[in-house]
Amino acid sequence: MARKNNISEVELTQAKGLRDNATTVADFRKALVVILGAELSIDADKIAKILGTSRRTVFRDRIKIRDQECPKKNSWGGRRRCSMTFEEEQEFLSQWEEKAATGGILSVPPIHAALMERLDRKVPVSTTYRLLARHGWRKVQPDTKHPKSDPVAQEDYKKNCLKRWLPPA
């Protein structure tokens, strides 16, 4: 059995206003969904066939017309399963910041252990890495040369070394 059209006069006037001021085809189609259902008493299947959309789109468009006056609900996005707020995370990392600022070597395991202690539960190591990335912390590579290296001796060796290996005679 088809759903009955329950379209109020307010929705019909909103749809007519949208139809008159439509700048896109999508807005015009939304308005037609309500107007065809209210004035011609056409069910959703026939409206969908006329407009070339799905039956579900007809109901979605009716809902969009109906909810135009309502303030928009919070949209998806953001952190839903956070253990600490952003400010609490900043406060947690501040104790490690002074050690990092003085050039001390920081590694993730002690930070991770402190985080688990603060939360009183086990968390994956990836949580700690994401926490550090979220606050702009990054891995800094140490210098790639040995502190006791001698660049002059290295260049001398490159110039005088044999190009191929010969077995001892």
N, C-alpha and C. Protein backbone atom coordinates (compact mmCIF):
# COMPACT_ATOMS: atom_id res chain seq x y z
N MET A 1 0.84 -1.17 0.00
CA MET A 1 0.00 0.00 0.00
C MET A 1 0.89 1.24 0.00
N ALA A 2 0.57 2.20 -0.84
CA ALA A 2 1.38 3.40 -0.99
C ALA A 2 1.20 4.32 0.21
N ARG A 3 2.25 5.05 0.51
CA ARG A 3 2.19 6.03 1.58
C ARG A 3 1.27 7.17 1.20
N LYS A 4 0.54 7.66 2.17
CA LYS A 4 -0.36 8.78 1.91
C LYS A 4 0.43 10.08 1.96
N ASN A 5 0.11 11.02 1.10
CA ASN A 5 0.78 12.31 1.07
C ASN A 5 0.29 13.17 2.23
N ASN A 6 1.15 13.46 3.16
CA ASN A 6 0.82 14.34 4.28
C ASN A 6 1.64 15.61 4.12
N ILE A 7 1.19 16.47 3.24
CA ILE A 7 1.91 17.70 2.95
C ILE A 7 1.05 18.86 3.41
N SER A 8 1.58 19.68 4.29
CA SER A 8 0.82 20.81 4.83
C SER A 8 0.86 21.99 3.87
N GLU A 9 0.02 22.97 4.17
CA GLU A 9 -0.03 24.19 3.35
C GLU A 9 1.28 24.98 3.45
N VAL A 10 1.88 24.93 4.62
CA VAL A 10 3.14 25.65 4.82
C VAL A 10 4.22 25.06 3.91
N GLU A 11 4.26 23.72 3.87
CA GLU A 11 5.25 23.06 3.01
C GLU A 11 4.98 23.37 1.55
N LEU A 12 3.71 23.42 1.18
CA LEU A 12 3.35 23.71 -0.21
C LEU A 12 3.76 25.14 -0.59
N THR A 13 3.55 26.09 0.30
CA THR A 13 3.96 27.46 -0.01
C THR A 13 5.49 27.58 -0.05
N GLN A 14 6.19 26.85 0.83
CA GLN A 14 7.65 26.85 0.78
C GLN A 14 8.14 26.26 -0.54
N ALA A 15 7.48 25.20 -0.99
CA ALA A 15 7.88 24.55 -2.24
C ALA A 15 7.62 25.47 -3.42
N LYS A 16 6.51 26.18 -3.41
CA LYS A 16 6.22 27.11 -4.51
C LYS A 16 7.21 28.27 -4.53
N GLY A 17 7.58 28.73 -3.34
CA GLY A 17 8.59 29.78 -3.26
C GLY A 17 9.94 29.29 -3.77
N LEU A 18 10.28 28.06 -3.43
CA LEU A 18 11.53 27.47 -3.91
C LEU A 18 11.49 27.29 -5.42
N ARG A 19 10.34 26.89 -5.94
CA ARG A 19 10.20 26.71 -7.39
C ARG A 19 10.38 28.04 -8.12
N ASP A 20 9.82 29.09 -7.59
CA ASP A 20 9.91 30.40 -8.25
C ASP A 20 11.31 31.00 -8.17
N ASN A 21 12.05 30.67 -7.13
CA ASN A 21 13.38 31.23 -6.94
C ASN A 21 14.49 30.23 -7.21
N ALA A 22 14.19 29.11 -7.81
CA ALA A 22 15.18 28.05 -8.02
C ALA A 22 16.27 28.51 -8.97
N THR A 23 17.50 28.23 -8.59
CA THR A 23 18.64 28.57 -9.44
C THR A 23 19.30 27.31 -9.99
N THR A 24 18.97 26.16 -9.42
CA THR A 24 19.53 24.90 -9.90
C THR A 24 18.41 23.92 -10.20
N VAL A 25 18.74 22.92 -10.96
CA VAL A 25 17.77 21.88 -11.29
C VAL A 25 17.39 21.10 -10.04
N ALA A 26 18.34 20.90 -9.14
CA ALA A 26 18.07 20.15 -7.92
C ALA A 26 17.03 20.87 -7.06
N ASP A 27 17.13 22.20 -6.94
CA ASP A 27 16.14 22.95 -6.17
C ASP A 27 14.77 22.87 -6.83
N PHE A 28 14.73 22.97 -8.15
CA PHE A 28 13.46 22.89 -8.88
C PHE A 28 12.82 21.52 -8.69
N ARG A 29 13.65 20.47 -8.72
CA ARG A 29 13.14 19.11 -8.54
C ARG A 29 12.58 18.92 -7.14
N LYS A 30 13.27 19.47 -6.12
CA LYS A 30 12.77 19.37 -4.74
C LYS A 30 11.39 20.01 -4.62
N ALA A 31 11.25 21.16 -5.26
CA ALA A 31 9.96 21.85 -5.20
C ALA A 31 8.88 21.04 -5.92
N LEU A 32 9.21 20.47 -7.07
CA LEU A 32 8.22 19.68 -7.82
C LEU A 32 7.78 18.44 -7.06
N VAL A 33 8.66 17.84 -6.29
CA VAL A 33 8.30 16.67 -5.50
C VAL A 33 7.13 17.00 -4.58
N VAL A 34 7.19 18.12 -3.91
CA VAL A 34 6.12 18.50 -2.98
C VAL A 34 4.88 18.96 -3.74
N ILE A 35 5.07 19.74 -4.78
CA ILE A 35 3.92 20.27 -5.52
C ILE A 35 3.14 19.16 -6.20
N LEU A 36 3.82 18.22 -6.85
CA LEU A 36 3.12 17.11 -7.50
C LEU A 36 2.40 16.23 -6.48
N GLY A 37 3.02 16.03 -5.34
CA GLY A 37 2.38 15.20 -4.32
C GLY A 37 1.18 15.87 -3.69
N ALA A 38 1.23 17.19 -3.50
CA ALA A 38 0.14 17.89 -2.83
C ALA A 38 -1.00 18.23 -3.77
N GLU A 39 -0.70 18.81 -4.92
CA GLU A 39 -1.76 19.31 -5.80
C GLU A 39 -2.37 18.22 -6.67
N LEU A 40 -1.56 17.28 -7.13
CA LEU A 40 -2.07 16.24 -8.01
C LEU A 40 -2.28 14.89 -7.31
N SER A 41 -1.95 14.82 -6.04
CA SER A 41 -2.08 13.60 -5.24
C SER A 41 -1.44 12.39 -5.91
N ILE A 42 -0.23 12.60 -6.42
CA ILE A 42 0.51 11.51 -7.06
C ILE A 42 1.36 10.84 -5.99
N ASP A 43 1.42 9.51 -6.01
CA ASP A 43 2.22 8.82 -5.00
C ASP A 43 3.71 8.90 -5.36
N ALA A 44 4.56 8.50 -4.41
CA ALA A 44 6.01 8.66 -4.52
C ALA A 44 6.60 7.88 -5.69
N ASP A 45 6.06 6.70 -5.99
CA ASP A 45 6.59 5.90 -7.10
C ASP A 45 6.40 6.63 -8.43
N LYS A 46 5.24 7.21 -8.63
CA LYS A 46 4.97 7.92 -9.89
C LYS A 46 5.78 9.21 -9.97
N ILE A 47 5.92 9.91 -8.84
CA ILE A 47 6.73 11.14 -8.83
C ILE A 47 8.17 10.81 -9.18
N ALA A 48 8.68 9.72 -8.62
CA ALA A 48 10.05 9.31 -8.90
C ALA A 48 10.22 8.99 -10.38
N LYS A 49 9.24 8.34 -10.96
CA LYS A 49 9.32 8.00 -12.38
C LYS A 49 9.25 9.25 -13.25
N ILE A 50 8.40 10.20 -12.89
CA ILE A 50 8.26 11.44 -13.66
C ILE A 50 9.56 12.26 -13.62
N LEU A 51 10.15 12.36 -12.43
CA LEU A 51 11.34 13.21 -12.25
C LEU A 51 12.65 12.48 -12.53
N GLY A 52 12.58 11.18 -12.72
CA GLY A 52 13.79 10.42 -13.01
C GLY A 52 14.69 10.23 -11.81
N THR A 53 14.10 10.08 -10.65
CA THR A 53 14.86 9.85 -9.43
C THR A 53 14.37 8.57 -8.78
N SER A 54 14.95 8.26 -7.65
CA SER A 54 14.50 7.09 -6.91
C SER A 54 13.37 7.48 -5.95
N ARG A 55 12.66 6.48 -5.48
CA ARG A 55 11.56 6.71 -4.54
C ARG A 55 12.10 7.32 -3.25
N ARG A 56 13.24 6.85 -2.82
CA ARG A 56 13.84 7.35 -1.59
C ARG A 56 14.21 8.84 -1.72
N THR A 57 14.66 9.26 -2.91
CA THR A 57 15.01 10.66 -3.14
C THR A 57 13.77 11.55 -3.00
N VAL A 58 12.63 11.04 -3.40
CA VAL A 58 11.38 11.80 -3.26
C VAL A 58 11.13 12.13 -1.79
N PHE A 59 11.27 11.12 -0.94
CA PHE A 59 11.05 11.35 0.50
C PHE A 59 12.13 12.24 1.10
N ARG A 60 13.37 12.09 0.65
CA ARG A 60 14.44 12.96 1.15
C ARG A 60 14.17 14.41 0.78
N ASP A 61 13.72 14.65 -0.45
CA ASP A 61 13.44 16.02 -0.88
C ASP A 61 12.28 16.62 -0.09
N ARG A 62 11.27 15.81 0.22
CA ARG A 62 10.16 16.31 1.04
C ARG A 62 10.66 16.71 2.42
N ILE A 63 11.54 15.90 2.98
CA ILE A 63 12.08 16.22 4.30
C ILE A 63 12.90 17.51 4.25
N LYS A 64 13.67 17.70 3.17
CA LYS A 64 14.47 18.92 3.05
C LYS A 64 13.59 20.16 2.96
N ILE A 65 12.46 20.05 2.25
CA ILE A 65 11.53 21.18 2.17
C ILE A 65 10.91 21.43 3.54
N ARG A 66 10.52 20.37 4.22
CA ARG A 66 9.87 20.48 5.52
C ARG A 66 10.81 21.09 6.57
N ASP A 67 12.08 20.75 6.51
CA ASP A 67 13.02 21.18 7.53
C ASP A 67 13.80 22.44 7.16
N GLN A 68 13.33 23.21 6.19
CA GLN A 68 14.03 24.43 5.79
C GLN A 68 14.09 25.45 6.92
N GLU A 69 13.02 25.58 7.67
CA GLU A 69 12.94 26.59 8.72
C GLU A 69 13.74 26.19 9.96
N CYS A 70 13.92 24.90 10.16
CA CYS A 70 14.61 24.42 11.36
C CYS A 70 16.10 24.74 11.27
N PRO A 71 16.72 25.05 12.40
CA PRO A 71 18.17 25.25 12.37
C PRO A 71 18.86 23.93 12.04
N LYS A 72 19.97 24.04 11.35
CA LYS A 72 20.70 22.86 10.91
C LYS A 72 21.28 22.11 12.10
N LYS A 73 21.14 20.80 12.09
CA LYS A 73 21.70 19.97 13.16
C LYS A 73 23.20 19.87 12.96
N ASN A 74 23.88 19.43 14.00
CA ASN A 74 25.32 19.23 13.88
C ASN A 74 25.58 18.20 12.79
N SER A 75 26.49 18.53 11.93
CA SER A 75 26.81 17.62 10.85
C SER A 75 27.85 16.62 11.34
N TRP A 76 28.02 15.58 10.60
CA TRP A 76 29.03 14.59 10.94
C TRP A 76 30.39 15.22 10.80
N GLY A 77 31.30 14.74 11.56
CA GLY A 77 32.65 15.26 11.55
C GLY A 77 33.12 15.51 12.96
N GLY A 78 34.38 15.59 13.13
CA GLY A 78 34.91 15.82 14.45
C GLY A 78 35.26 14.52 15.16
N ARG A 79 35.71 14.66 16.37
CA ARG A 79 36.13 13.50 17.14
C ARG A 79 35.00 13.08 18.06
N ARG A 80 34.51 11.86 17.89
CA ARG A 80 33.44 11.36 18.72
C ARG A 80 33.93 10.49 19.87
N ARG A 81 35.04 9.82 19.66
CA ARG A 81 35.49 8.86 20.65
C ARG A 81 36.80 9.30 21.29
N CYS A 82 36.91 10.57 21.58
CA CYS A 82 38.16 11.07 22.15
C CYS A 82 38.22 10.74 23.64
N SER A 83 39.41 10.47 24.10
CA SER A 83 39.62 10.16 25.52
C SER A 83 39.83 11.42 26.32
N MET A 84 40.41 12.44 25.68
CA MET A 84 40.65 13.72 26.34
C MET A 84 40.28 14.83 25.35
N THR A 85 39.93 15.97 25.88
CA THR A 85 39.68 17.11 25.00
C THR A 85 41.03 17.62 24.47
N PHE A 86 40.94 18.48 23.47
CA PHE A 86 42.16 19.01 22.86
C PHE A 86 42.99 19.77 23.89
N GLU A 87 42.33 20.51 24.77
CA GLU A 87 43.03 21.29 25.79
C GLU A 87 43.71 20.36 26.80
N GLU A 88 43.02 19.26 27.18
CA GLU A 88 43.63 18.30 28.10
C GLU A 88 44.85 17.63 27.46
N GLU A 89 44.77 17.37 26.16
CA GLU A 89 45.91 16.80 25.45
C GLU A 89 47.09 17.77 25.46
N GLN A 90 46.81 19.07 25.24
CA GLN A 90 47.88 20.07 25.28
C GLN A 90 48.52 20.12 26.65
N GLU A 91 47.71 20.07 27.68
CA GLU A 91 48.23 20.09 29.05
C GLU A 91 49.07 18.85 29.32
N PHE A 92 48.64 17.69 28.79
CA PHE A 92 49.39 16.45 28.97
C PHE A 92 50.75 16.52 28.28
N LEU A 93 50.78 17.09 27.08
CA LEU A 93 52.03 17.17 26.32
C LEU A 93 52.96 18.28 26.82
N SER A 94 52.43 19.21 27.61
CA SER A 94 53.27 20.33 28.07
C SER A 94 54.42 19.85 28.94
N GLN A 95 54.22 18.76 29.69
CA GLN A 95 55.30 18.24 30.53
C GLN A 95 56.45 17.68 29.70
N TRP A 96 56.14 17.23 28.48
CA TRP A 96 57.18 16.68 27.61
C TRP A 96 57.80 17.77 26.74
N GLU A 97 57.11 18.88 26.63
CA GLU A 97 57.55 19.95 25.75
C GLU A 97 58.88 20.56 26.20
N GLU A 98 59.03 20.77 27.49
CA GLU A 98 60.25 21.40 27.98
C GLU A 98 61.46 20.51 27.73
N LYS A 99 61.29 19.19 27.83
CA LYS A 99 62.40 18.28 27.55
C LYS A 99 62.75 18.33 26.07
N ALA A 100 61.74 18.41 25.20
CA ALA A 100 61.98 18.47 23.76
C ALA A 100 62.61 19.81 23.37
N ALA A 101 62.22 20.88 24.04
CA ALA A 101 62.74 22.20 23.71
C ALA A 101 64.22 22.34 24.04
N THR A 102 64.68 21.64 25.07
CA THR A 102 66.08 21.72 25.45
C THR A 102 66.96 20.77 24.65
N GLY A 103 66.38 20.09 23.69
CA GLY A 103 67.16 19.21 22.82
C GLY A 103 67.26 17.79 23.33
N GLY A 104 66.48 17.46 24.34
CA GLY A 104 66.48 16.10 24.86
C GLY A 104 65.86 15.14 23.86
N ILE A 105 66.25 13.90 23.96
CA ILE A 105 65.70 12.89 23.04
C ILE A 105 64.43 12.34 23.65
N LEU A 106 63.35 12.45 22.90
CA LEU A 106 62.07 11.90 23.33
C LEU A 106 61.77 10.68 22.47
N SER A 107 61.23 9.67 23.11
CA SER A 107 60.77 8.52 22.36
C SER A 107 59.32 8.26 22.76
N VAL A 108 58.63 7.54 21.95
CA VAL A 108 57.20 7.33 22.15
C VAL A 108 56.89 6.43 23.34
N PRO A 109 57.66 5.37 23.62
CA PRO A 109 57.26 4.48 24.73
C PRO A 109 57.03 5.16 26.08
N PRO A 110 57.89 6.08 26.54
CA PRO A 110 57.56 6.72 27.82
C PRO A 110 56.31 7.60 27.74
N ILE A 111 56.11 8.27 26.62
CA ILE A 111 54.90 9.10 26.45
C ILE A 111 53.67 8.20 26.45
N HIS A 112 53.79 7.07 25.77
CA HIS A 112 52.69 6.12 25.69
C HIS A 112 52.35 5.56 27.08
N ALA A 113 53.38 5.22 27.86
CA ALA A 113 53.16 4.71 29.21
C ALA A 113 52.47 5.76 30.09
N ALA A 114 52.90 7.02 29.96
CA ALA A 114 52.28 8.09 30.74
C ALA A 114 50.83 8.31 30.30
N LEU A 115 50.57 8.17 29.01
CA LEU A 115 49.19 8.32 28.50
C LEU A 115 48.30 7.21 29.05
N MET A 116 48.79 5.97 29.06
CA MET A 116 47.99 4.88 29.61
C MET A 116 47.74 5.08 31.10
N GLU A 117 48.74 5.59 31.81
CA GLU A 117 48.57 5.87 33.24
C GLU A 117 47.54 6.96 33.45
N ARG A 118 47.57 7.98 32.61
CA ARG A 118 46.62 9.09 32.74
C ARG A 118 45.19 8.63 32.44
N LEU A 119 45.02 7.74 31.45
CA LEU A 119 43.69 7.28 31.08
C LEU A 119 43.21 6.10 31.92
N ASP A 120 44.10 5.49 32.66
CA ASP A 120 43.79 4.31 33.48
C ASP A 120 43.28 3.13 32.66
N ARG A 121 43.79 2.98 31.47
CA ARG A 121 43.42 1.84 30.63
C ARG A 121 44.47 1.69 29.54
N LYS A 122 44.44 0.53 28.88
CA LYS A 122 45.38 0.29 27.80
C LYS A 122 44.86 0.98 26.53
N VAL A 123 45.78 1.56 25.80
CA VAL A 123 45.46 2.15 24.51
C VAL A 123 46.53 1.70 23.52
N PRO A 124 46.18 1.58 22.25
CA PRO A 124 47.19 1.20 21.26
C PRO A 124 48.26 2.29 21.10
N VAL A 125 49.41 1.89 20.65
CA VAL A 125 50.51 2.84 20.44
C VAL A 125 50.13 3.84 19.35
N SER A 126 49.30 3.41 18.41
CA SER A 126 48.89 4.31 17.33
C SER A 126 48.14 5.52 17.88
N THR A 127 47.46 5.36 19.01
CA THR A 127 46.76 6.48 19.63
C THR A 127 47.76 7.56 20.06
N THR A 128 48.89 7.12 20.58
CA THR A 128 49.92 8.07 21.01
C THR A 128 50.51 8.79 19.80
N TYR A 129 50.77 8.03 18.73
CA TYR A 129 51.30 8.65 17.52
C TYR A 129 50.32 9.66 16.94
N ARG A 130 49.03 9.33 16.93
CA ARG A 130 48.02 10.26 16.42
C ARG A 130 47.91 11.50 17.30
N LEU A 131 48.04 11.31 18.62
CA LEU A 131 48.02 12.44 19.55
C LEU A 131 49.17 13.39 19.25
N LEU A 132 50.36 12.84 19.06
CA LEU A 132 51.52 13.69 18.77
C LEU A 132 51.37 14.39 17.42
N ALA A 133 50.85 13.69 16.43
CA ALA A 133 50.66 14.29 15.11
C ALA A 133 49.61 15.40 15.16
N ARG A 134 48.56 15.18 15.95
CA ARG A 134 47.48 16.17 16.06
C ARG A 134 48.00 17.48 16.63
N HIS A 135 49.03 17.42 17.47
CA HIS A 135 49.56 18.63 18.09
C HIS A 135 50.83 19.13 17.40
N GLY A 136 51.11 18.59 16.22
CA GLY A 136 52.20 19.11 15.41
C GLY A 136 53.57 18.58 15.78
N TRP A 137 53.63 17.54 16.58
CA TRP A 137 54.92 16.95 16.90
C TRP A 137 55.34 16.08 15.73
N ARG A 138 56.62 16.05 15.45
CA ARG A 138 57.09 15.26 14.32
C ARG A 138 58.42 14.61 14.68
N LYS A 139 58.75 13.61 13.91
CA LYS A 139 59.99 12.89 14.14
C LYS A 139 61.13 13.69 13.51
N VAL A 140 62.15 13.94 14.28
CA VAL A 140 63.31 14.66 13.78
C VAL A 140 64.45 13.65 13.68
N GLN A 141 64.99 13.51 12.49
CA GLN A 141 66.07 12.56 12.27
C GLN A 141 67.38 13.15 12.79
N PRO A 142 68.20 12.33 13.41
CA PRO A 142 69.51 12.83 13.81
C PRO A 142 70.40 13.03 12.59
N ASP A 143 71.53 13.70 12.80
CA ASP A 143 72.47 13.89 11.70
C ASP A 143 72.94 12.53 11.20
N THR A 144 73.20 12.43 9.91
CA THR A 144 73.55 11.14 9.33
C THR A 144 75.05 10.88 9.31
N LYS A 145 75.85 11.79 9.81
CA LYS A 145 77.29 11.53 9.82
C LYS A 145 77.77 11.25 11.24
N HIS A 146 78.79 10.49 11.33
CA HIS A 146 79.36 10.14 12.62
C HIS A 146 80.10 11.33 13.19
N PRO A 147 80.01 11.57 14.51
CA PRO A 147 80.66 12.75 15.07
C PRO A 147 82.19 12.72 14.97
N LYS A 148 82.78 11.53 14.88
CA LYS A 148 84.24 11.43 14.79
C LYS A 148 84.72 11.29 13.34
N SER A 149 83.84 11.52 12.38
CA SER A 149 84.24 11.35 10.99
C SER A 149 85.19 12.48 10.55
N ASP A 150 86.06 12.13 9.59
CA ASP A 150 87.03 13.09 9.06
C ASP A 150 86.77 13.23 7.56
N PRO A 151 86.15 14.31 7.11
CA PRO A 151 85.83 14.46 5.69
C PRO A 151 87.06 14.44 4.78
N VAL A 152 88.19 14.97 5.24
CA VAL A 152 89.41 14.99 4.43
C VAL A 152 89.90 13.56 4.21
N ALA A 153 89.91 12.75 5.25
CA ALA A 153 90.34 11.35 5.12
C ALA A 153 89.40 10.57 4.23
N GLN A 154 88.12 10.87 4.28
CA GLN A 154 87.15 10.17 3.44
C GLN A 154 87.40 10.49 1.96
N GLU A 155 87.62 11.76 1.64
CA GLU A 155 87.90 12.15 0.26
C GLU A 155 89.21 11.54 -0.23
N ASP A 156 90.22 11.51 0.62
CA ASP A 156 91.51 10.90 0.26
C ASP A 156 91.33 9.41 -0.04
N TYR A 157 90.52 8.74 0.76
CA TYR A 157 90.27 7.31 0.55
C TYR A 157 89.54 7.10 -0.78
N LYS A 158 88.55 7.95 -1.09
CA LYS A 158 87.81 7.79 -2.33
C LYS A 158 88.72 7.94 -3.55
N LYS A 159 89.72 8.83 -3.46
CA LYS A 159 90.63 9.05 -4.60
C LYS A 159 91.64 7.92 -4.76
N ASN A 160 92.07 7.32 -3.67
CA ASN A 160 93.16 6.36 -3.73
C ASN A 160 92.75 4.89 -3.59
N CYS A 161 91.49 4.59 -3.43
CA CYS A 161 91.10 3.20 -3.22
C CYS A 161 91.08 2.46 -4.57
N LEU A 162 91.25 1.15 -4.50
CA LEU A 162 91.21 0.34 -5.72
C LEU A 162 89.79 0.28 -6.23
N LYS A 163 89.62 0.31 -7.56
CA LYS A 163 88.31 0.29 -8.14
C LYS A 163 87.69 -1.10 -8.11
N ARG A 164 88.55 -2.14 -8.06
CA ARG A 164 88.02 -3.49 -7.94
C ARG A 164 88.87 -4.26 -6.97
N TRP A 165 88.29 -5.28 -6.47
CA TRP A 165 88.96 -6.07 -5.44
C TRP A 165 89.83 -7.12 -6.11
N LEU A 166 91.05 -7.28 -5.61
CA LEU A 166 91.95 -8.32 -6.10
C LEU A 166 92.28 -9.24 -4.95
N PRO A 167 92.28 -10.53 -5.18
CA PRO A 167 92.62 -11.44 -4.10
C PRO A 167 94.08 -11.26 -3.69
N PRO A 168 94.41 -11.57 -2.43
CA PRO A 168 95.79 -11.40 -1.99
C PRO A 168 96.72 -12.32 -2.77
N ALA A 169 97.90 -11.83 -3.08
CA ALA A 169 98.86 -12.61 -3.88
C ALA A 169 99.75 -13.46 -3.05
